[in-house]
């Protein structure tokens, strides 16, 4: 790599290309998709339909892509909605992402961790920080008492 290139802030053109590449179903690896499908007990065709939903394709485009009727795509989506207990395409995507995160956080994780700090115990997903405790100071107590007298 050229020392003048930055890993953190690549050029605008390459950032745009990266956003195009990491969009939709391509956000997850083939291995991740297979594990998600296996753990959610969805068929290969249902997994293809889910990936198409991730790519923001609608029923006619999905039907054309897999050479099936739009009605068949609709039936697959209805079965997926029931199987995964969701009611919309958005909930379907969120359910898949939820499963992917679960597969990275479990003790017997089959997917690599999302957080680089997971193995050190510093991961905020595993160990969220405690909520800040508010201390009552003399001035906050005085404000509370004066507000109570006014009301």
Protein backbone atom coordinates (compact mmCIF):
# COMPACT_ATOMS: atom_id res chain seq x y z
CA UNK A 1 0.00 0.00 0.00
CA UNK A 2 1.19 3.47 -0.84
CA UNK A 3 1.98 5.40 2.40
CA UNK A 4 -0.01 8.39 1.15
CA UNK A 5 -3.18 6.30 1.01
CA UNK A 6 -5.32 6.14 4.10
CA UNK A 7 -7.28 3.14 5.29
CA UNK A 8 -9.58 5.39 7.30
CA UNK A 9 -10.45 7.96 4.67
CA UNK A 10 -10.09 6.59 1.14
CA UNK A 11 -10.74 8.88 -1.78
CA UNK A 12 -14.32 9.94 -2.51
CA UNK A 13 -14.50 7.74 -5.58
CA UNK A 14 -13.42 4.64 -3.67
CA UNK A 15 -15.80 5.46 -0.78
CA UNK A 16 -18.67 5.61 -3.28
CA UNK A 17 -17.55 2.30 -4.79
CA UNK A 18 -17.32 0.79 -1.32
CA UNK A 19 -20.87 1.94 -0.47
CA UNK A 20 -22.13 0.36 -3.70
CA UNK A 21 -20.33 -2.89 -2.93
CA UNK A 22 -21.45 -3.10 0.69
CA UNK A 23 -25.12 -2.74 0.01
CA UNK A 24 -27.97 -5.16 0.47
CA UNK A 25 -27.26 -8.86 0.63
CA UNK A 26 -23.54 -8.33 -0.02
CA UNK A 27 -23.20 -6.90 3.50
CA UNK A 28 -23.10 -10.47 4.79
CA UNK A 29 -20.76 -13.24 3.71
CA UNK A 30 -22.02 -16.43 2.10
CA UNK A 31 -21.08 -18.25 5.31
CA UNK A 32 -23.15 -15.80 7.37
CA UNK A 33 -26.15 -16.24 5.08
CA UNK A 34 -25.90 -20.03 5.32
CA UNK A 35 -25.68 -19.94 9.12
CA UNK A 36 -28.60 -17.53 9.38
CA UNK A 37 -30.67 -19.75 7.10
CA UNK A 38 -29.72 -22.87 9.05
CA UNK A 39 -30.51 -21.42 12.48
CA UNK A 40 -33.80 -19.87 11.35
CA UNK A 41 -34.73 -23.10 9.52
CA UNK A 42 -35.47 -21.39 6.23
CA UNK A 43 -35.15 -23.12 2.88
CA UNK A 44 -32.58 -22.30 0.22
CA UNK A 45 -35.27 -20.59 -1.89
CA UNK A 46 -36.56 -18.62 1.11
CA UNK A 47 -33.00 -17.52 1.80
CA UNK A 48 -32.70 -16.32 -1.82
CA UNK A 49 -35.94 -14.37 -1.38
CA UNK A 50 -34.63 -12.80 1.85
CA UNK A 51 -31.38 -11.81 0.11
CA UNK A 52 -33.43 -10.20 -2.66
CA UNK A 53 -35.39 -8.25 -0.05
CA UNK A 54 -32.04 -7.08 1.35
CA UNK A 55 -31.25 -5.90 -2.19
CA UNK A 56 -34.53 -3.93 -2.12
CA UNK A 57 -36.03 -5.95 -4.96
CA UNK A 58 -39.80 -6.23 -5.21
CA UNK A 59 -41.85 -9.25 -6.15
CA UNK A 60 -41.76 -8.84 -9.96
CA UNK A 61 -37.97 -8.38 -9.99
CA UNK A 62 -37.45 -11.33 -7.65
CA UNK A 63 -39.72 -13.47 -9.82
CA UNK A 64 -37.78 -12.55 -12.93
CA UNK A 65 -34.43 -13.18 -11.22
CA UNK A 66 -35.38 -16.73 -10.17
CA UNK A 67 -37.67 -17.50 -13.11
CA UNK A 68 -40.72 -18.06 -10.92
CA UNK A 69 -44.09 -16.31 -10.85
CA UNK A 70 -44.68 -13.18 -8.74
CA UNK A 71 -47.42 -15.17 -6.97
CA UNK A 72 -44.82 -17.78 -5.92
CA UNK A 73 -42.56 -15.01 -4.59
CA UNK A 74 -45.55 -13.60 -2.68
CA UNK A 75 -46.25 -17.04 -1.17
CA UNK A 76 -42.59 -17.43 -0.14
CA UNK A 77 -42.71 -14.00 1.55
CA UNK A 78 -45.94 -14.89 3.37
CA UNK A 79 -44.39 -18.12 4.64
CA UNK A 80 -41.26 -16.25 5.74
CA UNK A 81 -43.33 -13.65 7.57
CA UNK A 82 -45.17 -16.40 9.49
CA UNK A 83 -42.05 -18.48 10.11
CA UNK A 84 -40.09 -15.50 11.46
CA UNK A 85 -43.07 -13.85 13.15
CA UNK A 86 -42.77 -10.57 11.23
CA UNK A 87 -45.35 -8.51 9.34
CA UNK A 88 -43.31 -6.42 6.90
CA UNK A 89 -40.20 -6.46 4.74
CA UNK A 90 -38.56 -4.06 7.19
CA UNK A 91 -39.22 -6.39 10.12
CA UNK A 92 -37.89 -9.26 8.00
CA UNK A 93 -34.60 -7.44 7.45
CA UNK A 94 -34.36 -6.52 11.14
CA UNK A 95 -35.03 -10.14 12.15
CA UNK A 96 -32.21 -11.34 9.89
CA UNK A 97 -29.81 -8.73 11.29
CA UNK A 98 -30.87 -9.68 14.82
CA UNK A 99 -30.07 -13.33 14.08
CA UNK A 100 -26.70 -12.39 12.58
CA UNK A 101 -25.80 -10.41 15.71
CA UNK A 102 -26.93 -13.31 17.92
CA UNK A 103 -24.71 -15.67 15.94
CA UNK A 104 -21.70 -13.42 16.58
CA UNK A 105 -22.35 -12.92 20.30
CA UNK A 106 -23.16 -16.45 21.43
CA UNK A 107 -20.66 -18.41 23.51
CA UNK A 108 -20.39 -20.94 20.68
CA UNK A 109 -20.30 -18.25 17.99
CA UNK A 110 -20.30 -19.62 14.47
CA UNK A 111 -19.70 -16.18 12.98
CA UNK A 112 -16.73 -13.91 13.71
CA UNK A 113 -17.37 -11.16 16.27
CA UNK A 114 -18.57 -7.78 15.08
CA UNK A 115 -16.77 -6.00 17.89
CA UNK A 116 -12.97 -6.30 17.95
CA UNK A 117 -13.11 -5.99 21.76
CA UNK A 118 -15.37 -9.00 22.30
CA UNK A 119 -12.56 -11.43 23.12
CA UNK A 120 -10.91 -9.04 25.59
CA UNK A 121 -14.13 -8.54 27.56
CA UNK A 122 -14.29 -4.83 26.68
CA UNK A 123 -17.18 -5.18 24.23
CA UNK A 124 -19.99 -2.79 25.12
CA UNK A 125 -22.53 -5.18 23.53
CA UNK A 126 -21.58 -7.89 26.04
CA UNK A 127 -20.88 -5.56 28.94
CA UNK A 128 -22.85 -2.34 28.47
CA UNK A 129 -21.64 0.53 30.62
CA UNK A 130 -23.64 1.20 33.76
CA UNK A 131 -25.97 4.16 33.46
CA UNK A 132 -24.52 7.29 34.99
CA UNK A 133 -25.66 7.86 38.54
CA UNK A 134 -26.96 11.29 39.28
CA UNK A 135 -25.76 12.84 42.48
CA UNK A 136 -27.91 15.33 44.25
CA UNK A 137 -25.92 18.40 44.98
CA UNK A 138 -26.92 21.16 47.35
CA UNK A 139 -27.89 23.38 44.41
CA UNK A 140 -30.09 20.68 42.77
CA UNK A 141 -31.83 20.04 46.10
CA UNK A 142 -32.43 23.78 46.52
CA UNK A 143 -33.91 23.98 43.00
CA UNK A 144 -36.23 21.04 43.71
CA UNK A 145 -37.38 22.61 47.00
CA UNK A 146 -37.97 26.01 45.45
CA UNK A 147 -39.95 24.42 42.58
CA UNK A 148 -42.10 22.56 45.12
CA UNK A 149 -42.87 25.82 47.00
CA UNK A 150 -43.84 27.62 43.76
CA UNK A 151 -46.16 24.78 42.60
